[in-house]
All heavy atoms as atom14 arrays in JSON, in Angstrom:
{
  "sequence": "PGIDHASVWLDGAVVDPAMVDWSAVSPWRV",
  "atom14_mask": [
    [1, 1, 1, 1, 1, 1, 1, 0, 0, 0, 0, 0, 0, 0],
    [1, 1, 1, 1, 0, 0, 0, 0, 0, 0, 0, 0, 0, 0],
    [1, 1, 1, 1, 1, 1, 1, 1, 0, 0, 0, 0, 0, 0],
    [1, 1, 1, 1, 1, 1, 1, 1, 0, 0, 0, 0, 0, 0],
    [1, 1, 1, 1, 1, 1, 1, 1, 1, 1, 0, 0, 0, 0],
    [1, 1, 1, 1, 1, 0, 0, 0, 0, 0, 0, 0, 0, 0],
    [1, 1, 1, 1, 1, 1, 0, 0, 0, 0, 0, 0, 0, 0],
    [1, 1, 1, 1, 1, 1, 1, 0, 0, 0, 0, 0, 0, 0],
    [1, 1, 1, 1, 1, 1, 1, 1, 1, 1, 1, 1, 1, 1],
    [1, 1, 1, 1, 1, 1, 1, 1, 0, 0, 0, 0, 0, 0],
    [1, 1, 1, 1, 1, 1, 1, 1, 0, 0, 0, 0, 0, 0],
    [1, 1, 1, 1, 0, 0, 0, 0, 0, 0, 0, 0, 0, 0],
    [1, 1, 1, 1, 1, 0, 0, 0, 0, 0, 0, 0, 0, 0],
    [1, 1, 1, 1, 1, 1, 1, 0, 0, 0, 0, 0, 0, 0],
    [1, 1, 1, 1, 1, 1, 1, 0, 0, 0, 0, 0, 0, 0],
    [1, 1, 1, 1, 1, 1, 1, 1, 0, 0, 0, 0, 0, 0],
    [1, 1, 1, 1, 1, 1, 1, 0, 0, 0, 0, 0, 0, 0],
    [1, 1, 1, 1, 1, 0, 0, 0, 0, 0, 0, 0, 0, 0],
    [1, 1, 1, 1, 1, 1, 1, 1, 0, 0, 0, 0, 0, 0],
    [1, 1, 1, 1, 1, 1, 1, 0, 0, 0, 0, 0, 0, 0],
    [1, 1, 1, 1, 1, 1, 1, 1, 0, 0, 0, 0, 0, 0],
    [1, 1, 1, 1, 1, 1, 1, 1, 1, 1, 1, 1, 1, 1],
    [1, 1, 1, 1, 1, 1, 0, 0, 0, 0, 0, 0, 0, 0],
    [1, 1, 1, 1, 1, 0, 0, 0, 0, 0, 0, 0, 0, 0],
    [1, 1, 1, 1, 1, 1, 1, 0, 0, 0, 0, 0, 0, 0],
    [1, 1, 1, 1, 1, 1, 0, 0, 0, 0, 0, 0, 0, 0],
    [1, 1, 1, 1, 1, 1, 1, 0, 0, 0, 0, 0, 0, 0],
    [1, 1, 1, 1, 1, 1, 1, 1, 1, 1, 1, 1, 1, 1],
    [1, 1, 1, 1, 1, 1, 1, 1, 1, 1, 1, 0, 0, 0],
    [1, 1, 1, 1, 1, 1, 1, 0, 0, 0, 0, 0, 0, 0]
  ],
  "atom14_positions": [
    [[88.09, -14.24, 2.7], [86.9, -13.47, 3.11], [85.65, -13.85, 2.34], [84.55, -13.42, 2.71], [87.31, -12.02, 2.81], [88.26, -12.13, 1.67], [89.04, -13.41, 1.93], [0.0, 0.0, 0.0], [0.0, 0.0, 0.0], [0.0, 0.0, 0.0], [0.0, 0.0, 0.0], [0.0, 0.0, 0.0], [0.0, 0.0, 0.0], [0.0, 0.0, 0.0]],
    [[85.79, -14.64, 1.27], [84.62, -15.0, 0.47], [84.15, -13.89, -0.43], [82.96, -13.82, -0.77], [0.0, 0.0, 0.0], [0.0, 0.0, 0.0], [0.0, 0.0, 0.0], [0.0, 0.0, 0.0], [0.0, 0.0, 0.0], [0.0, 0.0, 0.0], [0.0, 0.0, 0.0], [0.0, 0.0, 0.0], [0.0, 0.0, 0.0], [0.0, 0.0, 0.0]],
    [[85.06, -13.01, -0.87], [84.74, -11.9, -1.76], [85.67, -11.96, -2.96], [86.91, -12.03, -2.8], [84.92, -10.54, -1.04], [84.08, -10.48, 0.23], [84.55, -9.38, -1.97], [84.34, -9.24, 1.06], [0.0, 0.0, 0.0], [0.0, 0.0, 0.0], [0.0, 0.0, 0.0], [0.0, 0.0, 0.0], [0.0, 0.0, 0.0], [0.0, 0.0, 0.0]],
    [[85.1, -11.91, -4.15], [85.92, -11.93, -5.37], [86.69, -10.63, -5.53], [86.18, -9.55, -5.21], [85.03, -12.13, -6.6], [84.38, -13.51, -6.63], [84.95, -14.44, -6.01], [83.32, -13.65, -7.26], [0.0, 0.0, 0.0], [0.0, 0.0, 0.0], [0.0, 0.0, 0.0], [0.0, 0.0, 0.0], [0.0, 0.0, 0.0], [0.0, 0.0, 0.0]],
    [[87.92, -10.74, -6.03], [88.73, -9.57, -6.39], [88.88, -8.61, -5.21], [88.73, -7.4, -5.35], [88.12, -8.83, -7.58], [87.91, -9.67, -8.79], [88.9, -9.98, -9.69], [86.8, -10.3, -9.25], [88.42, -10.75, -10.65], [87.15, -10.97, -10.4], [0.0, 0.0, 0.0], [0.0, 0.0, 0.0], [0.0, 0.0, 0.0], [0.0, 0.0, 0.0]],
    [[89.22, -9.17, -4.05], [89.35, -8.35, -2.84], [90.78, -8.41, -2.31], [91.44, -9.46, -2.38], [88.37, -8.81, -1.78], [0.0, 0.0, 0.0], [0.0, 0.0, 0.0], [0.0, 0.0, 0.0], [0.0, 0.0, 0.0], [0.0, 0.0, 0.0], [0.0, 0.0, 0.0], [0.0, 0.0, 0.0], [0.0, 0.0, 0.0], [0.0, 0.0, 0.0]],
    [[91.25, -7.29, -1.79], [92.52, -7.22, -1.09], [92.26, -7.22, 0.41], [91.37, -6.52, 0.88], [93.28, -5.94, -1.47], [93.55, -5.88, -2.85], [0.0, 0.0, 0.0], [0.0, 0.0, 0.0], [0.0, 0.0, 0.0], [0.0, 0.0, 0.0], [0.0, 0.0, 0.0], [0.0, 0.0, 0.0], [0.0, 0.0, 0.0], [0.0, 0.0, 0.0]],
    [[93.03, -8.02, 1.13], [92.89, -8.1, 2.59], [94.08, -7.39, 3.22], [95.24, -7.7, 2.91], [92.81, -9.56, 3.05], [92.7, -9.63, 4.58], [91.64, -10.27, 2.4], [0.0, 0.0, 0.0], [0.0, 0.0, 0.0], [0.0, 0.0, 0.0], [0.0, 0.0, 0.0], [0.0, 0.0, 0.0], [0.0, 0.0, 0.0], [0.0, 0.0, 0.0]],
    [[93.8, -6.44, 4.09], [94.82, -5.66, 4.77], [94.83, -6.03, 6.25], [93.78, -6.14, 6.88], [94.53, -4.16, 4.64], [94.5, -3.65, 3.22], [93.63, -3.98, 2.23], [95.4, -2.71, 2.65], [93.91, -3.32, 1.07], [95.0, -2.52, 1.3], [96.5, -1.99, 3.14], [95.66, -1.66, 0.45], [97.15, -1.12, 2.29], [96.75, -0.96, 0.96]],
    [[96.04, -6.2, 6.79], [96.21, -6.47, 8.22], [97.25, -5.48, 8.74], [98.38, -5.43, 8.23], [96.69, -7.9, 8.45], [96.96, -8.3, 9.91], [95.7, -8.18, 10.76], [97.55, -9.71, 10.0], [0.0, 0.0, 0.0], [0.0, 0.0, 0.0], [0.0, 0.0, 0.0], [0.0, 0.0, 0.0], [0.0, 0.0, 0.0], [0.0, 0.0, 0.0]],
    [[96.84, -4.69, 9.71], [97.72, -3.68, 10.31], [98.32, -2.75, 9.25], [99.51, -2.38, 9.3], [98.83, -4.34, 11.12], [98.28, -5.15, 12.29], [97.22, -4.76, 12.84], [98.9, -6.17, 12.66], [0.0, 0.0, 0.0], [0.0, 0.0, 0.0], [0.0, 0.0, 0.0], [0.0, 0.0, 0.0], [0.0, 0.0, 0.0], [0.0, 0.0, 0.0]],
    [[97.51, -2.4, 8.23], [97.93, -1.43, 7.24], [98.7, -1.98, 6.07], [99.13, -1.21, 5.2], [0.0, 0.0, 0.0], [0.0, 0.0, 0.0], [0.0, 0.0, 0.0], [0.0, 0.0, 0.0], [0.0, 0.0, 0.0], [0.0, 0.0, 0.0], [0.0, 0.0, 0.0], [0.0, 0.0, 0.0], [0.0, 0.0, 0.0], [0.0, 0.0, 0.0]],
    [[98.87, -3.29, 5.97], [99.61, -3.89, 4.86], [98.78, -4.99, 4.22], [98.05, -5.73, 4.9], [100.95, -4.45, 5.35], [0.0, 0.0, 0.0], [0.0, 0.0, 0.0], [0.0, 0.0, 0.0], [0.0, 0.0, 0.0], [0.0, 0.0, 0.0], [0.0, 0.0, 0.0], [0.0, 0.0, 0.0], [0.0, 0.0, 0.0], [0.0, 0.0, 0.0]],
    [[98.9, -5.13, 2.9], [98.2, -6.19, 2.19], [98.86, -7.53, 2.52], [100.09, -7.64, 2.53], [98.23, -5.94, 0.66], [97.58, -7.11, -0.09], [97.53, -4.65, 0.31], [0.0, 0.0, 0.0], [0.0, 0.0, 0.0], [0.0, 0.0, 0.0], [0.0, 0.0, 0.0], [0.0, 0.0, 0.0], [0.0, 0.0, 0.0], [0.0, 0.0, 0.0]],
    [[98.03, -8.54, 2.8], [98.54, -9.86, 3.16], [97.86, -10.93, 2.32], [96.8, -10.71, 1.72], [98.31, -10.16, 4.66], [99.06, -9.18, 5.54], [96.82, -10.16, 4.99], [0.0, 0.0, 0.0], [0.0, 0.0, 0.0], [0.0, 0.0, 0.0], [0.0, 0.0, 0.0], [0.0, 0.0, 0.0], [0.0, 0.0, 0.0], [0.0, 0.0, 0.0]],
    [[98.49, -12.08, 2.26], [97.85, -13.28, 1.7], [97.03, -13.88, 2.83], [97.59, -14.39, 3.81], [98.91, -14.26, 1.22], [98.31, -15.55, 0.65], [97.08, -15.76, 0.8], [99.07, -16.36, 0.09], [0.0, 0.0, 0.0], [0.0, 0.0, 0.0], [0.0, 0.0, 0.0], [0.0, 0.0, 0.0], [0.0, 0.0, 0.0], [0.0, 0.0, 0.0]],
    [[95.69, -13.82, 2.73], [94.87, -14.26, 3.87], [95.08, -15.71, 4.25], [94.89, -16.08, 5.41], [93.45, -13.99, 3.41], [93.51, -13.93, 1.92], [94.86, -13.36, 1.59], [0.0, 0.0, 0.0], [0.0, 0.0, 0.0], [0.0, 0.0, 0.0], [0.0, 0.0, 0.0], [0.0, 0.0, 0.0], [0.0, 0.0, 0.0], [0.0, 0.0, 0.0]],
    [[95.46, -16.54, 3.28], [95.66, -17.97, 3.57], [96.89, -18.2, 4.44], [97.04, -19.29, 5.02], [95.78, -18.76, 2.27], [0.0, 0.0, 0.0], [0.0, 0.0, 0.0], [0.0, 0.0, 0.0], [0.0, 0.0, 0.0], [0.0, 0.0, 0.0], [0.0, 0.0, 0.0], [0.0, 0.0, 0.0], [0.0, 0.0, 0.0], [0.0, 0.0, 0.0]],
    [[97.77, -17.2, 4.54], [99.02, -17.37, 5.3], [98.94, -16.77, 6.7], [99.94, -16.75, 7.41], [100.17, -16.71, 4.52], [100.35, -17.23, 3.11], [100.66, -19.02, 3.07], [102.27, -19.08, 3.88], [0.0, 0.0, 0.0], [0.0, 0.0, 0.0], [0.0, 0.0, 0.0], [0.0, 0.0, 0.0], [0.0, 0.0, 0.0], [0.0, 0.0, 0.0]],
    [[97.77, -16.31, 7.1], [97.62, -15.64, 8.4], [96.78, -16.5, 9.33], [95.78, -17.09, 8.92], [96.96, -14.26, 8.23], [96.7, -13.6, 9.58], [97.83, -13.36, 7.35], [0.0, 0.0, 0.0], [0.0, 0.0, 0.0], [0.0, 0.0, 0.0], [0.0, 0.0, 0.0], [0.0, 0.0, 0.0], [0.0, 0.0, 0.0], [0.0, 0.0, 0.0]],
    [[97.19, -16.56, 10.59], [96.36, -17.17, 11.63], [95.42, -16.09, 12.16], [95.83, -15.19, 12.89], [97.25, -17.71, 12.76], [96.42, -18.33, 13.89], [95.17, -18.38, 13.77], [97.03, -18.74, 14.9], [0.0, 0.0, 0.0], [0.0, 0.0, 0.0], [0.0, 0.0, 0.0], [0.0, 0.0, 0.0], [0.0, 0.0, 0.0], [0.0, 0.0, 0.0]],
    [[94.16, -16.18, 11.77], [93.19, -15.14, 12.1], [92.52, -15.34, 13.45], [91.7, -14.51, 13.86], [92.11, -15.07, 11.01], [92.64, -14.71, 9.67], [92.92, -15.55, 8.63], [92.98, -13.39, 9.21], [93.42, -14.85, 7.55], [93.45, -13.53, 7.88], [92.93, -12.13, 9.79], [93.87, -12.43, 7.14], [93.34, -11.03, 9.05], [93.81, -11.19, 7.73]],
    [[92.84, -16.39, 14.15], [92.08, -16.75, 15.35], [92.14, -15.68, 16.44], [91.17, -15.5, 17.18], [92.59, -18.08, 15.91], [93.97, -18.0, 16.23], [0.0, 0.0, 0.0], [0.0, 0.0, 0.0], [0.0, 0.0, 0.0], [0.0, 0.0, 0.0], [0.0, 0.0, 0.0], [0.0, 0.0, 0.0], [0.0, 0.0, 0.0], [0.0, 0.0, 0.0]],
    [[93.24, -14.95, 16.53], [93.37, -13.95, 17.59], [93.39, -12.53, 17.04], [93.73, -11.58, 17.76], [94.66, -14.21, 18.38], [0.0, 0.0, 0.0], [0.0, 0.0, 0.0], [0.0, 0.0, 0.0], [0.0, 0.0, 0.0], [0.0, 0.0, 0.0], [0.0, 0.0, 0.0], [0.0, 0.0, 0.0], [0.0, 0.0, 0.0], [0.0, 0.0, 0.0]],
    [[93.02, -12.35, 15.78], [93.06, -11.03, 15.15], [91.77, -10.27, 15.45], [90.67, -10.8, 15.23], [93.27, -11.16, 13.63], [93.16, -9.79, 12.97], [94.63, -11.78, 13.34], [0.0, 0.0, 0.0], [0.0, 0.0, 0.0], [0.0, 0.0, 0.0], [0.0, 0.0, 0.0], [0.0, 0.0, 0.0], [0.0, 0.0, 0.0], [0.0, 0.0, 0.0]],
    [[91.88, -9.05, 15.92], [90.72, -8.21, 16.21], [90.22, -7.53, 14.94], [91.03, -7.21, 14.05], [91.07, -7.14, 17.24], [91.53, -7.73, 18.45], [0.0, 0.0, 0.0], [0.0, 0.0, 0.0], [0.0, 0.0, 0.0], [0.0, 0.0, 0.0], [0.0, 0.0, 0.0], [0.0, 0.0, 0.0], [0.0, 0.0, 0.0], [0.0, 0.0, 0.0]],
    [[88.92, -7.29, 14.84], [88.37, -6.68, 13.62], [88.99, -5.34, 13.25], [89.16, -5.02, 12.07], [86.87, -6.53, 13.93], [86.6, -7.56, 14.97], [87.84, -7.65, 15.79], [0.0, 0.0, 0.0], [0.0, 0.0, 0.0], [0.0, 0.0, 0.0], [0.0, 0.0, 0.0], [0.0, 0.0, 0.0], [0.0, 0.0, 0.0], [0.0, 0.0, 0.0]],
    [[89.33, -4.52, 14.26], [89.85, -3.18, 13.97], [91.19, -3.22, 13.26], [91.61, -2.23, 12.65], [89.95, -2.35, 15.25], [90.89, -2.91, 16.3], [90.58, -3.75, 17.32], [92.3, -2.65, 16.43], [91.69, -4.05, 18.08], [92.76, -3.38, 17.54], [93.2, -1.88, 15.71], [94.1, -3.36, 17.96], [94.55, -1.86, 16.12], [94.97, -2.59, 17.23]],
    [[91.88, -4.36, 13.26], [93.17, -4.5, 12.59], [93.03, -4.86, 11.11], [94.02, -4.86, 10.37], [94.01, -5.56, 13.29], [94.36, -5.25, 14.74], [95.06, -6.44, 15.4], [96.28, -6.81, 14.67], [96.92, -7.97, 14.89], [96.43, -8.85, 15.76], [98.01, -8.25, 14.21], [0.0, 0.0, 0.0], [0.0, 0.0, 0.0], [0.0, 0.0, 0.0]],
    [[91.79, -5.17, 10.69], [91.57, -5.74, 9.36], [90.8, -4.76, 8.48], [89.89, -4.07, 8.94], [90.78, -7.07, 9.46], [90.61, -7.7, 8.08], [91.46, -8.03, 10.43], [0.0, 0.0, 0.0], [0.0, 0.0, 0.0], [0.0, 0.0, 0.0], [0.0, 0.0, 0.0], [0.0, 0.0, 0.0], [0.0, 0.0, 0.0], [0.0, 0.0, 0.0]]
  ]
}
């Protein structure tokens, strides 16, 4: 996300953003 010290959540769970294919992910899920 380009933010220091940030946690990224997808569908209510913390994820490693580098391991996710974000191309079809809607904003409301993040």
